[in-house]
Protein backbone atom coordinates (compact mmCIF):
# COMPACT_ATOMS: atom_id res chain seq x y z
CA MET A 1 18.08 52.15 -21.23
CA GLY A 2 14.49 53.94 -20.79
CA TYR A 3 12.94 55.63 -18.10
CA LYS A 4 9.31 54.82 -18.14
CA LEU A 5 6.62 57.31 -17.58
CA LYS A 6 3.73 56.88 -15.24
CA SER A 7 1.61 56.92 -18.23
CA LYS A 8 1.62 57.60 -21.94
CA VAL A 9 1.63 61.57 -23.27
CA SER A 10 1.54 63.40 -26.41
CA ILE A 11 4.71 65.31 -26.96
CA LYS A 12 2.76 68.18 -29.06
CA ALA A 13 0.41 68.49 -26.18
CA VAL A 14 3.48 69.25 -24.02
CA PHE A 15 5.25 71.61 -26.31
CA GLU A 16 1.73 73.66 -26.34
CA LYS A 17 1.68 73.61 -22.67
CA LEU A 18 5.23 74.89 -22.51
CA ASP A 19 4.34 77.47 -25.28
CA ILE A 20 7.29 75.90 -27.51
CA ALA A 21 6.40 76.08 -31.25
CA TRP A 22 5.48 72.70 -32.73
CA LYS A 23 7.41 72.14 -36.14
CA SER A 24 6.61 68.73 -37.09
CA GLU A 25 3.66 67.17 -39.03
CA LYS A 26 2.99 64.54 -36.92
CA ASP A 27 2.19 64.01 -33.21
CA TYR A 28 3.89 61.39 -31.02
CA LEU A 29 2.61 59.22 -28.08
CA ILE A 30 5.38 58.55 -25.92
CA GLU A 31 5.80 56.33 -22.75
CA SER A 32 9.58 56.78 -21.67
CA ILE A 33 12.79 59.01 -22.07
CA SER A 34 15.90 57.53 -23.25
CA PRO A 35 19.56 58.41 -23.69
CA LEU A 36 20.28 58.50 -27.64
CA ASN A 37 23.27 55.98 -26.88
CA ASN A 38 20.90 53.26 -25.43
CA TYR A 39 17.71 54.15 -26.93
CA LEU A 40 14.35 52.28 -26.11
CA GLU A 41 11.91 52.01 -28.56
CA GLY A 42 9.03 54.52 -27.95
CA SER A 43 11.03 56.77 -26.13
CA LEU A 44 11.86 60.47 -26.39
CA ALA A 45 15.72 61.67 -26.67
CA PHE A 46 17.35 64.92 -28.14
CA CYS A 47 20.00 65.18 -30.56
CA ASN A 48 22.10 68.27 -31.26
CA LYS A 49 24.92 67.10 -33.34
CA ASN A 50 25.42 65.39 -36.79
CA ILE A 51 25.86 61.85 -35.67
CA GLU A 52 24.15 58.58 -36.27
CA VAL A 53 21.05 57.72 -34.55
CA PRO A 54 19.12 54.65 -33.76
CA ASN A 55 16.55 53.99 -36.43
CA ASN A 56 12.97 55.08 -35.79
CA SER A 57 13.83 56.89 -32.73
CA ILE A 58 11.45 60.02 -31.63
CA LEU A 59 14.16 62.76 -31.54
CA ILE A 60 13.86 66.53 -30.56
CA SER A 61 16.56 67.69 -33.10
CA ASN A 62 18.29 70.40 -35.07
CA GLN A 63 19.19 67.79 -37.74
CA VAL A 64 17.47 66.19 -40.92
CA LEU A 65 17.45 62.79 -40.21
CA ASP A 66 16.03 60.16 -42.75
CA ASN A 67 15.98 56.96 -40.40
CA ALA A 68 14.45 59.06 -37.16
CA GLN A 69 11.29 60.63 -36.51
CA VAL A 70 12.27 64.18 -35.84
CA ILE A 71 10.88 67.30 -33.93
CA PHE A 72 12.35 69.88 -35.25
CA SER A 73 14.14 72.31 -32.65
CA GLU A 74 16.97 75.08 -32.99
CA ASN A 75 17.43 74.23 -29.49
CA PRO A 76 17.16 70.52 -29.10
CA ARG A 77 18.94 70.22 -25.71
CA THR A 78 17.28 73.34 -24.23
CA HIS A 79 13.64 72.07 -25.14
CA PHE A 80 14.02 68.57 -24.39
CA VAL A 81 15.28 69.84 -20.37
CA GLN A 82 12.10 71.74 -20.68
CA VAL A 83 9.79 68.80 -21.80
CA LEU A 84 11.57 66.41 -19.13
CA ALA A 85 11.21 68.70 -16.34
CA TRP A 86 7.55 69.45 -17.03
CA LEU A 87 7.22 65.34 -17.48
CA ASN A 88 8.91 64.67 -14.21
CA GLU A 89 6.75 67.56 -12.30
CA ASN A 90 3.22 66.75 -14.11
CA ILE A 91 3.47 63.01 -15.11
CA GLY A 92 6.10 61.24 -13.18
CA PHE A 93 8.68 58.57 -13.72
CA ASP A 94 7.81 55.08 -12.60
CA LEU A 95 11.43 54.45 -10.93
CA TYR A 96 12.76 52.92 -8.11
CA ASN A 97 9.77 52.86 -6.20
CA GLU A 98 9.99 48.72 -5.06
CA GLU A 99 11.31 48.18 -1.45
CA SER A 100 14.94 48.27 -1.01
CA ILE A 101 17.00 44.95 -0.47
CA ILE A 102 19.56 45.13 2.67
CA ASP A 103 21.62 41.67 2.88
CA PRO A 104 21.43 40.67 6.49
CA THR A 105 25.12 40.63 6.99
CA ALA A 106 25.10 44.71 5.99
CA VAL A 107 25.86 46.85 9.17
CA ILE A 108 23.76 50.01 9.14
CA GLY A 109 24.73 52.76 11.27
CA ALA A 110 22.44 55.29 13.33
CA ASN A 111 20.60 57.86 11.56
CA VAL A 112 21.13 56.39 8.29
CA VAL A 113 18.26 57.11 5.64
CA ILE A 114 17.82 54.32 2.82
CA GLU A 115 15.37 55.26 0.35
CA SER A 116 13.35 53.10 -1.95
CA GLY A 117 14.68 51.18 -4.72
CA CYS A 118 18.47 50.57 -3.17
CA TYR A 119 20.55 47.06 -2.99
CA ILE A 120 22.65 46.94 -0.12
CA GLY A 121 24.99 43.94 -0.57
CA LYS A 122 26.64 41.66 1.79
CA ASN A 123 29.01 42.71 4.39
CA VAL A 124 28.34 46.53 3.43
CA VAL A 125 29.25 48.85 6.39
CA ILE A 126 26.94 52.29 6.34
CA GLU A 127 28.19 54.40 9.03
CA PRO A 128 25.91 57.05 11.06
CA ASN A 129 24.20 59.90 9.19
CA VAL A 130 24.34 58.85 5.45
CA VAL A 131 21.89 59.15 3.12
CA ILE A 132 21.53 56.29 0.42
CA HIS A 133 18.90 57.82 -2.35
CA LYS A 134 16.54 56.22 -4.72
CA GLY A 135 17.92 53.38 -6.51
CA THR A 136 21.43 53.06 -5.31
CA ILE A 137 23.26 49.99 -5.69
CA ILE A 138 26.15 49.07 -3.56
CA GLY A 139 28.08 45.72 -3.74
CA ASP A 140 29.36 43.69 -1.23
CA ASN A 141 32.09 44.31 1.28
CA SER A 142 31.94 48.27 0.64
CA ARG A 143 32.01 50.85 3.01
CA ILE A 144 29.95 54.39 3.18
CA ARG A 145 31.64 56.51 6.00
CA SER A 146 29.82 58.91 8.39
CA CYS A 147 27.49 62.02 6.44
CA ALA A 148 28.29 60.89 3.04
CA SER A 149 25.23 61.18 0.63
CA ILE A 150 24.84 58.81 -2.28
CA GLY A 151 22.52 59.23 -4.92
CA SER A 152 20.92 62.80 -4.91
CA ASP A 153 20.53 65.02 -8.02
CA GLY A 154 23.60 66.64 -9.42
CA PHE A 155 24.01 69.98 -10.46
CA GLY A 156 21.77 70.37 -13.74
CA PHE A 157 20.18 73.23 -14.50
CA GLU A 158 19.20 75.58 -17.66
CA ARG A 159 18.91 79.33 -17.91
CA ILE A 160 15.72 79.81 -20.25
CA GLY A 161 15.07 83.38 -20.60
CA ASN A 162 14.42 84.57 -16.94
CA ASP A 163 13.63 81.30 -15.81
CA ILE A 164 15.71 78.50 -14.29
CA VAL A 165 14.72 74.90 -15.23
CA ARG A 166 16.14 71.94 -13.16
CA PHE A 167 17.58 68.73 -15.25
CA PRO A 168 15.93 65.85 -13.96
CA HIS A 169 18.28 63.28 -12.82
CA LEU A 170 16.82 60.05 -13.90
CA GLY A 171 19.69 57.59 -13.55
CA ARG A 172 20.99 55.67 -10.36
CA VAL A 173 24.53 55.74 -8.56
CA ARG A 174 26.08 51.77 -9.12
CA ILE A 175 28.77 51.18 -6.45
CA GLY A 176 30.97 47.71 -6.97
CA GLN A 177 32.53 45.64 -4.58
CA ASN A 178 35.16 46.22 -1.76
CA VAL A 179 34.84 49.89 -2.64
CA GLU A 180 35.38 52.71 0.21
CA VAL A 181 33.69 56.16 0.17
CA GLY A 182 35.04 58.90 2.77
CA SER A 183 32.88 60.90 5.19
CA CYS A 184 31.07 64.12 3.63
CA VAL A 185 31.41 62.68 0.42
CA ALA A 186 28.48 63.55 -2.62
CA ILE A 187 28.24 61.38 -5.46
CA ALA A 188 25.05 62.34 -7.40
CA ARG A 189 23.14 60.04 -9.78
CA GLY A 190 23.31 59.94 -13.11
CA THR A 191 21.05 62.38 -15.63
CA LEU A 192 20.12 59.98 -18.15
CA SER A 193 22.61 57.29 -17.56
CA ASP A 194 24.08 56.09 -14.17
CA THR A 195 27.54 57.11 -12.16
CA VAL A 196 29.25 54.04 -11.46
CA ILE A 197 31.89 53.29 -9.11
CA HIS A 198 33.87 50.05 -10.18
CA ASP A 199 35.56 47.69 -7.69
CA GLN A 200 38.09 48.25 -5.32
CA VAL A 201 37.65 52.20 -5.60
CA LYS A 202 38.76 54.13 -2.76
CA ILE A 203 37.21 57.80 -2.21
CA ASP A 204 38.79 59.82 0.57
CA ASN A 205 37.13 62.28 2.67
CA LEU A 206 34.82 65.58 1.35
CA VAL A 207 35.30 64.50 -2.11
CA HIS A 208 32.57 65.55 -4.85
CA ILE A 209 31.78 63.09 -7.68
CA ALA A 210 29.13 64.88 -10.31
CA HIS A 211 26.46 62.94 -12.49
CA ASN A 212 27.84 60.55 -14.99
CA VAL A 213 31.00 59.94 -13.78
CA ILE A 214 32.53 56.67 -14.28
CA ILE A 215 35.64 55.48 -11.86
CA HIS A 216 37.36 52.00 -12.96
CA ASP A 217 38.44 49.54 -10.73
CA GLY A 218 41.17 50.39 -8.40
CA ALA A 219 41.39 54.13 -8.83
CA PHE A 220 42.00 56.39 -5.62
CA VAL A 221 40.64 60.02 -5.27
CA ILE A 222 41.87 61.73 -2.29
CA ALA A 223 40.51 64.24 -0.15
CA CYS A 224 38.84 67.71 -1.32
CA ALA A 225 38.91 66.37 -5.03
CA GLU A 226 36.38 67.19 -7.18
CA VAL A 227 35.23 65.30 -10.47
CA SER A 228 32.85 67.16 -12.58
CA GLY A 229 29.94 65.78 -14.99
CA SER A 230 30.65 62.81 -17.25
CA VAL A 231 34.41 62.51 -16.31
CA GLU A 232 36.06 58.86 -16.67
CA ILE A 233 38.53 57.77 -14.80
CA GLY A 234 40.74 54.83 -15.39
CA LYS A 235 42.00 52.00 -13.45
CA ASN A 236 44.24 52.69 -10.96
CA ALA A 237 44.55 56.21 -11.42
CA TRP A 238 45.55 58.53 -8.71
CA ILE A 239 43.48 61.67 -7.81
CA ALA A 240 45.52 63.91 -5.68
CA PRO A 241 44.14 66.21 -2.99
CA ASN A 242 42.15 69.49 -4.03
CA ALA A 243 42.60 68.54 -8.19
CA SER A 244 39.52 69.53 -9.86
CA ILE A 245 38.88 67.81 -13.24
CA ASN A 246 36.80 69.72 -15.83
CA GLN A 247 33.59 68.00 -17.29
CA LYS A 248 34.00 65.17 -19.91
CA LEU A 249 37.32 64.45 -19.49
CA LYS A 250 39.02 60.96 -19.34
CA ILE A 251 42.25 60.23 -16.86
CA GLY A 252 44.01 57.36 -18.28
CA ASP A 253 44.96 54.12 -16.64
CA ASN A 254 47.59 54.41 -13.80
CA ALA A 255 47.59 58.09 -14.36
CA LEU A 256 48.32 60.54 -11.62
CA VAL A 257 46.88 63.72 -11.05
CA GLY A 258 48.76 66.02 -8.95
CA LEU A 259 48.16 67.89 -5.81
CA GLY A 260 45.75 70.88 -6.55
CA ALA A 261 46.04 70.28 -10.37
CA VAL A 262 43.21 72.09 -12.59
CA VAL A 263 42.56 69.53 -15.39
CA THR A 264 41.38 70.95 -18.77
CA LYS A 265 42.19 68.25 -21.28
CA ASN A 266 42.26 64.47 -21.28
CA VAL A 267 45.23 62.82 -19.44
CA GLU A 268 46.84 60.01 -21.13
CA PHE A 269 47.66 56.74 -19.34
CA ASP A 270 50.60 56.11 -17.27
CA SER A 271 51.11 60.06 -17.21
CA ILE A 272 51.96 62.49 -14.22
CA VAL A 273 49.82 65.90 -14.63
CA ALA A 274 50.13 68.88 -12.38
CA GLY A 275 49.70 72.74 -12.06
CA ASN A 276 46.82 75.05 -13.23
CA PRO A 277 46.03 74.31 -15.94
CA ALA A 278 47.76 70.47 -15.49
CA LYS A 279 50.53 69.67 -17.67
CA LYS A 280 52.36 66.50 -18.61
CA LEU A 281 55.47 66.23 -16.12
CA VAL A 282 56.36 62.46 -17.19
CA LYS A 283 55.10 59.27 -18.56
CA ARG A 284 55.84 56.58 -16.06
């Protein structure tokens, strides 16, 4: 997966414009940005962990990597965000600019905004005052209730000195078939990957789904729940009202997260957790 720039650019030149010290002997001309786990040749990515990386990838990193082309940085994520923000503002990305496709069987309510690059499937119902942002995909027979926001940028900011830099969101939201999204729900687009809501998921009113979240088939997320970035919710899980799930956690298949639970650790499949912090009550 890569996010294509409108034109190729020298990374050394971008570092110079941002007043970031250049610690590489070679300049690199890039044409896109990629996540490390789905790397596209010719893209820029970052790595701040000692992990296996794609061969010949171009990385901002604090690691010595024999199989990659490394632009050394003591703060690779911070410098990557700075570069990404500069590219987004000054070069731009060639993404989701095509005309949206809306199946003729879809029912679109009053005052709905559907931006470019979207796909709206068969028998989809979008109720009044919904905003569907660029690149969103909504599968057949799904319903988006009034005043929902699908595909806006999530909360991604970096404090760099006295500046606050926005982390541009390049991914999209993918919603499967037979999904229901309640009123006043906010689902953020992914950063360098997609936010994905699989088939048969039901989301109640006033729920927040952050960037890069994956919700698997048949899960229910009930009113006022908050699902933080990069959380993965398993099949047929139940997230009760006012539950709060911390970022990057996994909720197992058939798990039940209780009323108002504050989840700070992964939840096993078939488990019931409740409380603050959430603790396992029983495995069903």
